[in-house]
């Protein structure tokens, strides 16, 4: 997989809820940079409080890469690109986006 720095963008992928970590592992092994912001929630089960870590955006994974190379990998993992109203893949537009850093600032 040969990626030119200029052709790389962040894309939003949708997968079934609770499969985000599996998709991230597969994409990381394939050589993509992934990000899925997590949050800690507390759930009461049978009178006991349990701390669990869940994605901030259920079913969404952010991935940086070239769209052409990514399409076949995504199709094999039961994931889909989120699309805008025009039917084009939803990209996160910014100059050399530092996505994890931007989310960290928003969540403070």
N, C-alpha and C. Protein backbone atom coordinates (compact mmCIF):
# COMPACT_ATOMS: atom_id res chain seq x y z
N UNK A 1 0.84 -1.17 0.00
CA UNK A 1 0.00 0.00 0.00
C UNK A 1 0.89 1.23 0.00
N UNK A 2 0.85 1.97 -1.07
CA UNK A 2 1.68 3.16 -1.20
C UNK A 2 0.78 4.38 -1.07
N UNK A 3 1.00 5.17 -0.03
CA UNK A 3 0.15 6.33 0.18
C UNK A 3 0.96 7.61 0.05
N UNK A 4 0.48 8.49 -0.79
CA UNK A 4 1.07 9.81 -0.93
C UNK A 4 0.50 10.69 0.18
N UNK A 5 1.35 11.48 0.80
CA UNK A 5 0.92 12.32 1.92
C UNK A 5 -0.21 13.26 1.52
N UNK A 6 -0.25 13.70 0.26
CA UNK A 6 -1.28 14.64 -0.18
C UNK A 6 -2.63 13.97 -0.40
N UNK A 7 -2.66 12.67 -0.69
CA UNK A 7 -3.92 12.01 -1.00
C UNK A 7 -4.59 11.44 0.25
N UNK A 8 -3.97 11.60 1.40
CA UNK A 8 -4.52 11.04 2.62
C UNK A 8 -5.49 12.03 3.27
N UNK A 9 -6.63 11.51 3.67
CA UNK A 9 -7.64 12.30 4.37
C UNK A 9 -8.21 11.44 5.49
N UNK A 10 -8.88 12.09 6.42
CA UNK A 10 -9.60 11.36 7.46
C UNK A 10 -11.00 11.08 6.96
N UNK A 11 -11.45 9.83 7.09
CA UNK A 11 -12.79 9.44 6.70
C UNK A 11 -13.52 8.89 7.92
N UNK A 12 -14.84 9.01 7.89
CA UNK A 12 -15.67 8.48 8.96
C UNK A 12 -16.27 7.17 8.47
N UNK A 13 -15.99 6.08 9.19
CA UNK A 13 -16.55 4.78 8.84
C UNK A 13 -17.63 4.42 9.84
N UNK A 14 -18.65 3.75 9.36
CA UNK A 14 -19.70 3.26 10.25
C UNK A 14 -19.66 1.75 10.24
N UNK A 15 -19.75 1.17 11.42
CA UNK A 15 -19.83 -0.27 11.57
C UNK A 15 -20.90 -0.57 12.61
N UNK A 16 -21.20 -1.82 12.81
CA UNK A 16 -22.18 -2.18 13.82
C UNK A 16 -21.68 -1.76 15.20
N UNK A 17 -22.56 -1.26 16.05
CA UNK A 17 -22.12 -0.91 17.40
C UNK A 17 -21.47 -2.12 18.09
N UNK A 18 -20.46 -1.85 18.89
CA UNK A 18 -19.67 -2.84 19.63
C UNK A 18 -18.68 -3.60 18.76
N UNK A 19 -18.55 -3.22 17.49
CA UNK A 19 -17.54 -3.83 16.63
C UNK A 19 -16.44 -2.83 16.27
N UNK A 20 -16.45 -1.67 16.92
CA UNK A 20 -15.49 -0.62 16.58
C UNK A 20 -14.05 -1.07 16.82
N UNK A 21 -13.79 -1.72 17.94
CA UNK A 21 -12.41 -2.14 18.26
C UNK A 21 -11.89 -3.17 17.26
N UNK A 22 -12.75 -4.08 16.85
CA UNK A 22 -12.35 -5.10 15.88
C UNK A 22 -11.99 -4.45 14.54
N UNK A 23 -12.80 -3.49 14.10
CA UNK A 23 -12.52 -2.78 12.86
C UNK A 23 -11.22 -2.00 12.97
N UNK A 24 -11.01 -1.33 14.11
CA UNK A 24 -9.77 -0.57 14.31
C UNK A 24 -8.55 -1.49 14.25
N UNK A 25 -8.63 -2.65 14.88
CA UNK A 25 -7.50 -3.60 14.85
C UNK A 25 -7.20 -4.03 13.43
N UNK A 26 -8.23 -4.36 12.67
CA UNK A 26 -8.03 -4.81 11.29
C UNK A 26 -7.41 -3.71 10.43
N UNK A 27 -7.89 -2.48 10.58
CA UNK A 27 -7.35 -1.38 9.79
C UNK A 27 -5.93 -1.03 10.20
N UNK A 28 -5.61 -1.14 11.49
CA UNK A 28 -4.25 -0.88 11.97
C UNK A 28 -3.28 -1.90 11.41
N UNK A 29 -3.68 -3.17 11.40
CA UNK A 29 -2.84 -4.22 10.81
C UNK A 29 -2.62 -3.96 9.32
N UNK A 30 -3.64 -3.42 8.65
CA UNK A 30 -3.53 -3.12 7.22
C UNK A 30 -2.70 -1.86 6.95
N UNK A 31 -2.28 -1.16 8.00
CA UNK A 31 -1.39 -0.01 7.83
C UNK A 31 -2.05 1.35 7.88
N UNK A 32 -3.28 1.42 8.33
CA UNK A 32 -3.99 2.70 8.41
C UNK A 32 -3.91 3.26 9.82
N UNK A 33 -3.99 4.58 9.89
CA UNK A 33 -4.04 5.26 11.18
C UNK A 33 -5.52 5.39 11.55
N UNK A 34 -5.90 4.88 12.72
CA UNK A 34 -7.30 4.91 13.14
C UNK A 34 -7.46 5.68 14.44
N UNK A 35 -8.68 6.11 14.68
CA UNK A 35 -8.98 6.80 15.93
C UNK A 35 -10.44 6.60 16.27
N UNK A 36 -10.70 6.30 17.52
CA UNK A 36 -12.06 6.15 18.01
C UNK A 36 -12.07 6.68 19.45
N UNK A 37 -12.57 7.90 19.65
CA UNK A 37 -12.57 8.44 21.01
C UNK A 37 -13.45 7.61 21.93
N UNK A 38 -12.93 7.32 23.13
CA UNK A 38 -13.64 6.49 24.09
C UNK A 38 -14.04 7.31 25.30
N UNK A 39 -15.04 6.82 26.01
CA UNK A 39 -15.48 7.45 27.26
C UNK A 39 -15.77 6.36 28.28
N UNK A 40 -15.62 6.70 29.54
CA UNK A 40 -15.91 5.78 30.62
C UNK A 40 -17.32 6.08 31.13
N UNK A 41 -18.14 5.03 31.20
CA UNK A 41 -19.47 5.19 31.77
C UNK A 41 -19.63 4.19 32.91
N UNK A 42 -20.57 4.47 33.78
CA UNK A 42 -20.85 3.60 34.92
C UNK A 42 -22.25 3.05 34.75
N UNK A 43 -22.36 1.71 34.84
CA UNK A 43 -23.63 1.04 34.63
C UNK A 43 -23.96 0.23 35.88
N UNK A 44 -25.23 0.26 36.27
CA UNK A 44 -25.69 -0.53 37.41
C UNK A 44 -26.25 -1.86 36.91
N UNK A 45 -25.64 -2.97 37.35
CA UNK A 45 -26.13 -4.30 37.04
C UNK A 45 -26.35 -5.04 38.35
N UNK A 46 -27.59 -5.41 38.60
CA UNK A 46 -27.93 -6.15 39.82
C UNK A 46 -27.42 -5.47 41.08
N UNK A 47 -27.56 -4.17 41.15
CA UNK A 47 -27.16 -3.44 42.33
C UNK A 47 -25.67 -3.16 42.43
N UNK A 48 -24.88 -3.58 41.45
CA UNK A 48 -23.44 -3.33 41.46
C UNK A 48 -23.11 -2.35 40.34
N UNK A 49 -22.26 -1.40 40.65
CA UNK A 49 -21.84 -0.42 39.66
C UNK A 49 -20.59 -0.93 38.95
N UNK A 50 -20.65 -0.94 37.64
CA UNK A 50 -19.52 -1.41 36.84
C UNK A 50 -19.07 -0.30 35.92
N UNK A 51 -17.76 -0.13 35.80
CA UNK A 51 -17.17 0.87 34.92
C UNK A 51 -16.84 0.21 33.59
N UNK A 52 -17.37 0.76 32.50
CA UNK A 52 -17.05 0.22 31.18
C UNK A 52 -16.60 1.36 30.26
N UNK A 53 -15.79 1.01 29.29
CA UNK A 53 -15.28 1.99 28.32
C UNK A 53 -15.99 1.73 26.99
N UNK A 54 -16.64 2.76 26.48
CA UNK A 54 -17.40 2.65 25.24
C UNK A 54 -16.99 3.78 24.30
N UNK A 55 -17.20 3.60 23.00
CA UNK A 55 -16.89 4.68 22.05
C UNK A 55 -17.78 5.90 22.29
N UNK A 56 -17.21 7.06 22.09
CA UNK A 56 -17.94 8.31 22.23
C UNK A 56 -19.02 8.42 21.15
N UNK A 57 -18.70 7.97 19.94
CA UNK A 57 -19.65 7.93 18.83
C UNK A 57 -19.90 6.47 18.51
N UNK A 58 -20.99 5.92 18.98
CA UNK A 58 -21.27 4.50 18.81
C UNK A 58 -21.32 4.13 17.32
N UNK A 59 -20.54 3.13 16.95
CA UNK A 59 -20.53 2.65 15.58
C UNK A 59 -19.63 3.41 14.63
N UNK A 60 -18.94 4.44 15.10
CA UNK A 60 -18.10 5.26 14.21
C UNK A 60 -16.62 5.09 14.52
N UNK A 61 -15.84 4.96 13.47
CA UNK A 61 -14.38 4.89 13.56
C UNK A 61 -13.83 5.88 12.54
N UNK A 62 -12.82 6.63 12.94
CA UNK A 62 -12.17 7.58 12.05
C UNK A 62 -10.90 6.93 11.53
N UNK A 63 -10.67 7.02 10.23
CA UNK A 63 -9.49 6.38 9.64
C UNK A 63 -8.85 7.34 8.64
N UNK A 64 -7.52 7.37 8.66
CA UNK A 64 -6.77 8.23 7.74
C UNK A 64 -6.15 7.35 6.67
N UNK A 65 -6.36 7.72 5.42
CA UNK A 65 -5.77 6.95 4.34
C UNK A 65 -6.25 7.42 2.99
N UNK A 66 -5.84 6.68 1.98
CA UNK A 66 -6.23 6.95 0.61
C UNK A 66 -7.53 6.20 0.32
N UNK A 67 -8.51 6.88 -0.19
CA UNK A 67 -9.83 6.30 -0.41
C UNK A 67 -9.78 5.08 -1.32
N UNK A 68 -8.98 5.13 -2.38
CA UNK A 68 -8.91 4.02 -3.33
C UNK A 68 -8.41 2.74 -2.67
N UNK A 69 -7.35 2.86 -1.85
CA UNK A 69 -6.79 1.69 -1.19
C UNK A 69 -7.70 1.18 -0.08
N UNK A 70 -8.41 2.06 0.55
CA UNK A 70 -9.21 1.72 1.72
C UNK A 70 -10.51 1.00 1.39
N UNK A 71 -11.04 1.21 0.21
CA UNK A 71 -12.36 0.70 -0.14
C UNK A 71 -12.45 -0.82 -0.03
N UNK A 72 -11.47 -1.55 -0.52
CA UNK A 72 -11.53 -3.01 -0.46
C UNK A 72 -11.38 -3.52 0.96
N UNK A 73 -10.54 -2.87 1.76
CA UNK A 73 -10.36 -3.28 3.15
C UNK A 73 -11.64 -3.07 3.94
N UNK A 74 -12.29 -1.95 3.70
CA UNK A 74 -13.53 -1.63 4.42
C UNK A 74 -14.64 -2.60 4.03
N UNK A 75 -14.75 -2.93 2.76
CA UNK A 75 -15.81 -3.83 2.31
C UNK A 75 -15.69 -5.21 2.94
N UNK A 76 -14.48 -5.66 3.21
CA UNK A 76 -14.29 -6.98 3.79
C UNK A 76 -14.59 -7.01 5.28
N UNK A 77 -14.75 -5.86 5.91
CA UNK A 77 -14.96 -5.80 7.36
C UNK A 77 -16.37 -5.35 7.76
N UNK A 78 -17.32 -5.43 6.86
CA UNK A 78 -18.69 -5.04 7.15
C UNK A 78 -18.77 -3.63 7.72
N UNK A 79 -18.11 -2.72 7.05
CA UNK A 79 -18.14 -1.31 7.42
C UNK A 79 -18.56 -0.51 6.20
N UNK A 80 -19.01 0.70 6.44
CA UNK A 80 -19.42 1.57 5.34
C UNK A 80 -18.93 2.98 5.60
N UNK A 81 -18.66 3.70 4.53
CA UNK A 81 -18.30 5.10 4.66
C UNK A 81 -19.57 5.89 4.96
N UNK A 82 -19.49 6.85 5.85
CA UNK A 82 -20.61 7.76 6.02
C UNK A 82 -20.59 8.72 4.84
N UNK A 83 -21.75 9.02 4.31
CA UNK A 83 -21.82 9.88 3.14
C UNK A 83 -22.57 11.16 3.48
N UNK A 84 -22.27 12.21 2.71
CA UNK A 84 -22.97 13.47 2.91
C UNK A 84 -24.23 13.49 2.04
N UNK A 85 -24.91 14.61 1.99
CA UNK A 85 -26.16 14.72 1.25
C UNK A 85 -25.97 14.52 -0.26
N UNK A 86 -24.76 14.78 -0.76
CA UNK A 86 -24.48 14.61 -2.19
C UNK A 86 -24.13 13.17 -2.55
N UNK A 87 -24.04 12.28 -1.56
CA UNK A 87 -23.69 10.90 -1.82
C UNK A 87 -22.19 10.65 -1.89
N UNK A 88 -21.38 11.62 -1.50
CA UNK A 88 -19.93 11.45 -1.50
C UNK A 88 -19.46 11.08 -0.10
N UNK A 89 -18.32 10.41 -0.03
CA UNK A 89 -17.77 9.99 1.25
C UNK A 89 -17.52 11.20 2.14
N UNK A 90 -17.87 11.08 3.41
CA UNK A 90 -17.69 12.17 4.36
C UNK A 90 -16.24 12.21 4.80
N UNK A 91 -15.57 13.31 4.48
CA UNK A 91 -14.18 13.48 4.89
C UNK A 91 -14.11 14.59 5.93
N UNK A 92 -13.08 14.54 6.73
CA UNK A 92 -12.84 15.59 7.71
C UNK A 92 -11.81 16.51 7.10
N UNK A 93 -12.24 17.72 6.81
CA UNK A 93 -11.40 18.66 6.09
C UNK A 93 -10.68 19.58 7.06
N UNK A 94 -9.38 19.56 6.97
CA UNK A 94 -8.53 20.52 7.68
C UNK A 94 -7.12 20.32 7.16
N UNK A 95 -6.28 21.28 7.40
CA UNK A 95 -4.90 21.20 6.94
C UNK A 95 -4.12 20.25 7.83
N UNK A 96 -3.73 19.10 7.26
CA UNK A 96 -2.95 18.10 7.99
C UNK A 96 -3.60 17.83 9.35
N UNK A 97 -4.85 17.42 9.34
CA UNK A 97 -5.66 17.27 10.55
C UNK A 97 -4.98 16.40 11.60
N UNK A 98 -4.93 16.93 12.81
CA UNK A 98 -4.47 16.18 13.97
C UNK A 98 -5.73 15.78 14.72
N UNK A 99 -6.43 14.78 14.21
CA UNK A 99 -7.74 14.42 14.73
C UNK A 99 -7.73 14.06 16.20
N UNK A 100 -6.84 13.19 16.68
CA UNK A 100 -6.87 12.87 18.12
C UNK A 100 -6.67 14.10 19.00
N UNK A 101 -5.81 15.00 18.60
CA UNK A 101 -5.59 16.22 19.37
C UNK A 101 -6.81 17.12 19.39
N UNK A 102 -7.50 17.21 18.26
CA UNK A 102 -8.69 18.06 18.18
C UNK A 102 -9.81 17.51 19.08
N UNK A 103 -9.99 16.18 19.10
CA UNK A 103 -11.01 15.60 19.98
C UNK A 103 -10.64 15.79 21.44
N UNK A 104 -9.37 15.67 21.76
CA UNK A 104 -8.94 15.86 23.15
C UNK A 104 -9.28 17.27 23.62
N UNK A 105 -9.11 18.25 22.75
CA UNK A 105 -9.46 19.63 23.11
C UNK A 105 -10.96 19.79 23.30
N UNK A 106 -11.75 19.16 22.45
CA UNK A 106 -13.21 19.28 22.55
C UNK A 106 -13.76 18.62 23.80
N UNK A 107 -13.15 17.52 24.22
CA UNK A 107 -13.67 16.76 25.35
C UNK A 107 -13.23 17.29 26.70
N UNK A 108 -12.35 18.29 26.72
CA UNK A 108 -11.88 18.84 28.00
C UNK A 108 -12.95 19.67 28.66
